[in-house]
Amino acid sequence: MIEILASLAVPLSAFTLIQLWGLATIAIGGYLESRDFRMPTPEENFATLPFWMFITARENP
């Protein structure tokens, strides 16, 4: 019985590594796909304007 398990150990571990590699690839790909890598529109930039005015007003009295 131990010999059978020992003979399965190498292919099983290789298969598990392939599975883990596949899951990691899917997870990283899904994360990158969910990120928004485009340039912000002028409207989106303008939405943060009061915040930047406040910061720069405090930095430059």
PDB file of N, CA and C in Angstrom:
ATOM      1  N   MET A   1       0.829  -1.200   0.000  1.00  0.00           N
ATOM      2  CA  MET A   1       0.000   0.000   0.000  1.00  0.00           C
ATOM      3  C   MET A   1       0.878   1.271   0.000  1.00  0.00           C
ATOM      4  N   ILE A   2       1.923   1.237   0.827  1.00  0.00           N
ATOM      5  CA  ILE A   2       2.811   2.397   0.888  1.00  0.00           C
ATOM      6  C   ILE A   2       3.525   2.582  -0.443  1.00  0.00           C
ATOM      7  N   GLU A   3       3.870   1.476  -1.100  1.00  0.00           N
ATOM      8  CA  GLU A   3       4.551   1.569  -2.382  1.00  0.00           C
ATOM      9  C   GLU A   3       3.643   2.225  -3.428  1.00  0.00           C
ATOM     10  N   ILE A   4       2.362   1.891  -3.379  1.00  0.00           N
ATOM     11  CA  ILE A   4       1.419   2.484  -4.343  1.00  0.00           C
ATOM     12  C   ILE A   4       1.327   3.998  -4.104  1.00  0.00           C
ATOM     13  N   LEU A   5       1.223   4.394  -2.841  1.00  0.00           N
ATOM     14  CA  LEU A   5       1.140   5.817  -2.528  1.00  0.00           C
ATOM     15  C   LEU A   5       2.435   6.540  -2.926  1.00  0.00           C
ATOM     16  N   ALA A   6       3.560   5.902  -2.701  1.00  0.00           N
ATOM     17  CA  ALA A   6       4.840   6.513  -3.062  1.00  0.00           C
ATOM     18  C   ALA A   6       4.958   6.660  -4.577  1.00  0.00           C
ATOM     19  N   SER A   7       4.432   5.706  -5.324  1.00  0.00           N
ATOM     20  CA  SER A   7       4.512   5.806  -6.783  1.00  0.00           C
ATOM     21  C   SER A   7       3.590   6.897  -7.311  1.00  0.00           C
ATOM     22  N   LEU A   8       2.553   7.243  -6.557  1.00  0.00           N
ATOM     23  CA  LEU A   8       1.641   8.307  -6.979  1.00  0.00           C
ATOM     24  C   LEU A   8       2.118   9.692  -6.552  1.00  0.00           C
ATOM     25  N   ALA A   9       3.091   9.759  -5.652  1.00  0.00           N
ATOM     26  CA  ALA A   9       3.454  11.038  -5.038  1.00  0.00           C
ATOM     27  C   ALA A   9       3.982  12.035  -6.071  1.00  0.00           C
ATOM     28  N   VAL A  10       4.866  11.591  -6.967  1.00  0.00           N
ATOM     29  CA  VAL A  10       5.475  12.545  -7.912  1.00  0.00           C
ATOM     30  C   VAL A  10       4.450  13.073  -8.918  1.00  0.00           C
ATOM     31  N   PRO A  11       3.680  12.213  -9.608  1.00  0.00           N
ATOM     32  CA  PRO A  11       2.718  12.763 -10.558  1.00  0.00           C
ATOM     33  C   PRO A  11       1.639  13.601  -9.862  1.00  0.00           C
ATOM     34  N   LEU A  12       1.259  13.218  -8.654  1.00  0.00           N
ATOM     35  CA  LEU A  12       0.225  13.950  -7.938  1.00  0.00           C
ATOM     36  C   LEU A  12       0.723  15.337  -7.556  1.00  0.00           C
ATOM     37  N   SER A  13       1.968  15.433  -7.096  1.00  0.00           N
ATOM     38  CA  SER A  13       2.484  16.735  -6.719  1.00  0.00           C
ATOM     39  C   SER A  13       2.664  17.619  -7.954  1.00  0.00           C
ATOM     40  N   ALA A  14       3.072  17.025  -9.076  1.00  0.00           N
ATOM     41  CA  ALA A  14       3.204  17.813 -10.302  1.00  0.00           C
ATOM     42  C   ALA A  14       1.833  18.329 -10.742  1.00  0.00           C
ATOM     43  N   PHE A  15       0.826  17.480 -10.652  1.00  0.00           N
ATOM     44  CA  PHE A  15      -0.528  17.895 -11.030  1.00  0.00           C
ATOM     45  C   PHE A  15      -1.025  19.003 -10.108  1.00  0.00           C
ATOM     46  N   THR A  16      -0.720  18.887  -8.814  1.00  0.00           N
ATOM     47  CA  THR A  16      -1.137  19.916  -7.869  1.00  0.00           C
ATOM     48  C   THR A  16      -0.445  21.236  -8.162  1.00  0.00           C
ATOM     49  N   LEU A  17       0.836  21.195  -8.507  1.00  0.00           N
ATOM     50  CA  LEU A  17       1.544  22.422  -8.869  1.00  0.00           C
ATOM     51  C   LEU A  17       0.941  23.067 -10.107  1.00  0.00           C
ATOM     52  N   ILE A  18       0.569  22.233 -11.092  1.00  0.00           N
ATOM     53  CA  ILE A  18      -0.057  22.774 -12.301  1.00  0.00           C
ATOM     54  C   ILE A  18      -1.404  23.417 -11.948  1.00  0.00           C
ATOM     55  N   GLN A  19      -2.166  22.777 -11.063  1.00  0.00           N
ATOM     56  CA  GLN A  19      -3.448  23.342 -10.638  1.00  0.00           C
ATOM     57  C   GLN A  19      -3.247  24.672  -9.924  1.00  0.00           C
ATOM     58  N   LEU A  20      -2.280  24.717  -9.012  1.00  0.00           N
ATOM     59  CA  LEU A  20      -2.029  25.961  -8.275  1.00  0.00           C
ATOM     60  C   LEU A  20      -1.565  27.063  -9.219  1.00  0.00           C
ATOM     61  N   TRP A  21      -0.727  26.720 -10.201  1.00  0.00           N
ATOM     62  CA  TRP A  21      -0.280  27.714 -11.179  1.00  0.00           C
ATOM     63  C   TRP A  21      -1.478  28.249 -11.964  1.00  0.00           C
ATOM     64  N   GLY A  22      -2.371  27.352 -12.349  1.00  0.00           N
ATOM     65  CA  GLY A  22      -3.559  27.772 -13.088  1.00  0.00           C
ATOM     66  C   GLY A  22      -4.453  28.675 -12.259  1.00  0.00           C
ATOM     67  N   LEU A  23      -4.666  28.317 -11.002  1.00  0.00           N
ATOM     68  CA  LEU A  23      -5.506  29.147 -10.134  1.00  0.00           C
ATOM     69  C   LEU A  23      -4.872  30.517  -9.903  1.00  0.00           C
ATOM     70  N   ALA A  24      -3.553  30.546  -9.709  1.00  0.00           N
ATOM     71  CA  ALA A  24      -2.876  31.828  -9.504  1.00  0.00           C
ATOM     72  C   ALA A  24      -2.980  32.689 -10.757  1.00  0.00           C
ATOM     73  N   THR A  25      -2.827  32.075 -11.923  1.00  0.00           N
ATOM     74  CA  THR A  25      -2.929  32.831 -13.175  1.00  0.00           C
ATOM     75  C   THR A  25      -4.326  33.414 -13.339  1.00  0.00           C
ATOM     76  N   ILE A  26      -5.348  32.610 -13.038  1.00  0.00           N
ATOM     77  CA  ILE A  26      -6.728  33.088 -13.149  1.00  0.00           C
ATOM     78  C   ILE A  26      -6.980  34.217 -12.157  1.00  0.00           C
ATOM     79  N   ALA A  27      -6.463  34.063 -10.932  1.00  0.00           N
ATOM     80  CA  ALA A  27      -6.701  35.091  -9.913  1.00  0.00           C
ATOM     81  C   ALA A  27      -6.020  36.401 -10.295  1.00  0.00           C
ATOM     82  N   ILE A  28      -4.766  36.335 -10.746  1.00  0.00           N
ATOM     83  CA  ILE A  28      -4.050  37.564 -11.127  1.00  0.00           C
ATOM     84  C   ILE A  28      -4.707  38.191 -12.345  1.00  0.00           C
ATOM     85  N   GLY A  29      -5.087  37.369 -13.301  1.00  0.00           N
ATOM     86  CA  GLY A  29      -5.758  37.894 -14.489  1.00  0.00           C
ATOM     87  C   GLY A  29      -7.077  38.557 -14.152  1.00  0.00           C
ATOM     88  N   GLY A  30      -7.845  37.952 -13.266  1.00  0.00           N
ATOM     89  CA  GLY A  30      -9.113  38.554 -12.860  1.00  0.00           C
ATOM     90  C   GLY A  30      -8.911  39.857 -12.125  1.00  0.00           C
ATOM     91  N   TYR A  31      -7.877  39.915 -11.299  1.00  0.00           N
ATOM     92  CA  TYR A  31      -7.590  41.166 -10.581  1.00  0.00           C
ATOM     93  C   TYR A  31      -7.216  42.273 -11.557  1.00  0.00           C
ATOM     94  N   LEU A  32      -6.325  41.957 -12.501  1.00  0.00           N
ATOM     95  CA  LEU A  32      -5.911  42.973 -13.464  1.00  0.00           C
ATOM     96  C   LEU A  32      -7.068  43.398 -14.353  1.00  0.00           C
ATOM     97  N   GLU A  33      -7.947  42.442 -14.694  1.00  0.00           N
ATOM     98  CA  GLU A  33      -9.095  42.772 -15.528  1.00  0.00           C
ATOM     99  C   GLU A  33     -10.065  43.691 -14.790  1.00  0.00           C
ATOM    100  N   SER A  34     -10.144  43.536 -13.469  1.00  0.00           N
ATOM    101  CA  SER A  34     -11.082  44.353 -12.705  1.00  0.00           C
ATOM    102  C   SER A  34     -10.540  45.757 -12.453  1.00  0.00           C
ATOM    103  N   ARG A  35      -9.238  45.945 -12.604  1.00  0.00           N
ATOM    104  CA  ARG A  35      -8.659  47.277 -12.405  1.00  0.00           C
ATOM    105  C   ARG A  35      -9.021  48.176 -13.578  1.00  0.00           C
ATOM    106  N   ASP A  36      -9.004  49.478 -13.338  1.00  0.00           N
ATOM    107  CA  ASP A  36      -9.351  50.436 -14.377  1.00  0.00           C
ATOM    108  C   ASP A  36      -8.081  51.183 -14.762  1.00  0.00           C
ATOM    109  N   PHE A  37      -7.477  50.815 -15.888  1.00  0.00           N
ATOM    110  CA  PHE A  37      -6.179  51.359 -16.259  1.00  0.00           C
ATOM    111  C   PHE A  37      -6.287  52.510 -17.254  1.00  0.00           C
ATOM    112  N   ARG A  38      -7.503  53.019 -17.489  1.00  0.00           N
ATOM    113  CA  ARG A  38      -7.640  54.098 -18.471  1.00  0.00           C
ATOM    114  C   ARG A  38      -7.325  55.442 -17.829  1.00  0.00           C
ATOM    115  N   MET A  39      -7.116  56.443 -18.675  1.00  0.00           N
ATOM    116  CA  MET A  39      -6.913  57.804 -18.183  1.00  0.00           C
ATOM    117  C   MET A  39      -8.247  58.353 -17.666  1.00  0.00           C
ATOM    118  N   PRO A  40      -8.244  59.101 -16.565  1.00  0.00           N
ATOM    119  CA  PRO A  40      -9.491  59.678 -16.088  1.00  0.00           C
ATOM    120  C   PRO A  40      -9.988  60.771 -17.035  1.00  0.00           C
ATOM    121  N   THR A  41     -11.303  60.916 -17.135  1.00  0.00           N
ATOM    122  CA  THR A  41     -11.880  61.959 -17.983  1.00  0.00           C
ATOM    123  C   THR A  41     -11.733  63.308 -17.288  1.00  0.00           C
ATOM    124  N   PRO A  42     -11.854  64.404 -18.015  1.00  0.00           N
ATOM    125  CA  PRO A  42     -11.783  65.715 -17.363  1.00  0.00           C
ATOM    126  C   PRO A  42     -12.836  65.882 -16.261  1.00  0.00           C
ATOM    127  N   GLU A  43     -14.017  65.287 -16.452  1.00  0.00           N
ATOM    128  CA  GLU A  43     -15.049  65.390 -15.423  1.00  0.00           C
ATOM    129  C   GLU A  43     -14.606  64.685 -14.137  1.00  0.00           C
ATOM    130  N   GLU A  44     -13.976  63.529 -14.289  1.00  0.00           N
ATOM    131  CA  GLU A  44     -13.498  62.818 -13.105  1.00  0.00           C
ATOM    132  C   GLU A  44     -12.368  63.579 -12.428  1.00  0.00           C
ATOM    133  N   ASN A  45     -11.508  64.236 -13.215  1.00  0.00           N
ATOM    134  CA  ASN A  45     -10.465  65.064 -12.624  1.00  0.00           C
ATOM    135  C   ASN A  45     -11.077  66.252 -11.890  1.00  0.00           C
ATOM    136  N   PHE A  46     -12.105  66.853 -12.489  1.00  0.00           N
ATOM    137  CA  PHE A  46     -12.730  68.034 -11.906  1.00  0.00           C
ATOM    138  C   PHE A  46     -13.418  67.700 -10.590  1.00  0.00           C
ATOM    139  N   ALA A  47     -13.845  66.441 -10.424  1.00  0.00           N
ATOM    140  CA  ALA A  47     -14.547  66.050  -9.197  1.00  0.00           C
ATOM    141  C   ALA A  47     -13.627  66.156  -7.984  1.00  0.00           C
ATOM    142  N   THR A  48     -12.329  66.069  -8.171  1.00  0.00           N
ATOM    143  CA  THR A  48     -11.396  66.139  -7.039  1.00  0.00           C
ATOM    144  C   THR A  48     -10.856  67.562  -6.850  1.00  0.00           C
ATOM    145  N   LEU A  49     -11.350  68.527  -7.634  1.00  0.00           N
ATOM    146  CA  LEU A  49     -10.796  69.876  -7.583  1.00  0.00           C
ATOM    147  C   LEU A  49     -10.910  70.532  -6.203  1.00  0.00           C
ATOM    148  N   PRO A  50     -12.065  70.481  -5.513  1.00  0.00           N
ATOM    149  CA  PRO A  50     -12.121  71.119  -4.187  1.00  0.00           C
ATOM    150  C   PRO A  50     -11.099  70.537  -3.216  1.00  0.00           C
ATOM    151  N   PHE A  51     -10.867  69.235  -3.288  1.00  0.00           N
ATOM    152  CA  PHE A  51      -9.875  68.609  -2.423  1.00  0.00           C
ATOM    153  C   PHE A  51      -8.487  69.190  -2.700  1.00  0.00           C
ATOM    154  N   TRP A  52      -8.116  69.302  -3.990  1.00  0.00           N
ATOM    155  CA  TRP A  52      -6.790  69.822  -4.332  1.00  0.00           C
ATOM    156  C   TRP A  52      -6.675  71.300  -3.996  1.00  0.00           C
ATOM    157  N   MET A  53      -7.766  72.056  -4.144  1.00  0.00           N
ATOM    158  CA  MET A  53      -7.732  73.467  -3.764  1.00  0.00           C
ATOM    159  C   MET A  53      -7.470  73.594  -2.263  1.00  0.00           C
ATOM    160  N   PHE A  54      -8.114  72.730  -1.479  1.00  0.00           N
ATOM    161  CA  PHE A  54      -7.921  72.767  -0.031  1.00  0.00           C
ATOM    162  C   PHE A  54      -6.468  72.443   0.325  1.00  0.00           C
ATOM    163  N   ILE A  55      -5.916  71.391  -0.307  1.00  0.00           N
ATOM    164  CA  ILE A  55      -4.545  70.978   0.000  1.00  0.00           C
ATOM    165  C   ILE A  55      -3.570  72.092  -0.380  1.00  0.00           C
ATOM    166  N   THR A  56      -3.708  72.630  -1.597  1.00  0.00           N
ATOM    167  CA  THR A  56      -2.732  73.635  -2.044  1.00  0.00           C
ATOM    168  C   THR A  56      -2.903  74.934  -1.262  1.00  0.00           C
ATOM    169  N   ALA A  57      -4.150  75.262  -0.840  1.00  0.00           N
ATOM    170  CA  ALA A  57      -4.346  76.477  -0.049  1.00  0.00           C
ATOM    171  C   ALA A  57      -3.642  76.336   1.299  1.00  0.00           C
ATOM    172  N   ARG A  58      -3.616  75.136   1.852  1.00  0.00           N
ATOM    173  CA  ARG A  58      -2.958  74.951   3.140  1.00  0.00           C
ATOM    174  C   ARG A  58      -1.437  74.905   2.975  1.00  0.00           C
ATOM    175  N   GLU A  59      -0.958  74.429   1.832  1.00  0.00           N
ATOM    176  CA  GLU A  59       0.487  74.359   1.629  1.00  0.00           C
ATOM    177  C   GLU A  59       1.069  75.732   1.307  1.00  0.00           C
ATOM    178  N   ASN A  60       0.308  76.558   0.561  1.00  0.00           N
ATOM    179  CA  ASN A  60       0.807  77.865   0.130  1.00  0.00           C
ATOM    180  C   ASN A  60      -0.078  78.968   0.718  1.00  0.00           C
ATOM    181  N   PRO A  61       0.174  79.410   1.925  1.00  0.00           N
ATOM    182  CA  PRO A  61      -0.706  80.422   2.519  1.00  0.00           C
ATOM    183  C   PRO A  61      -0.518  81.794   1.857  1.00  0.00           C
TER     184      PRO A  61
END
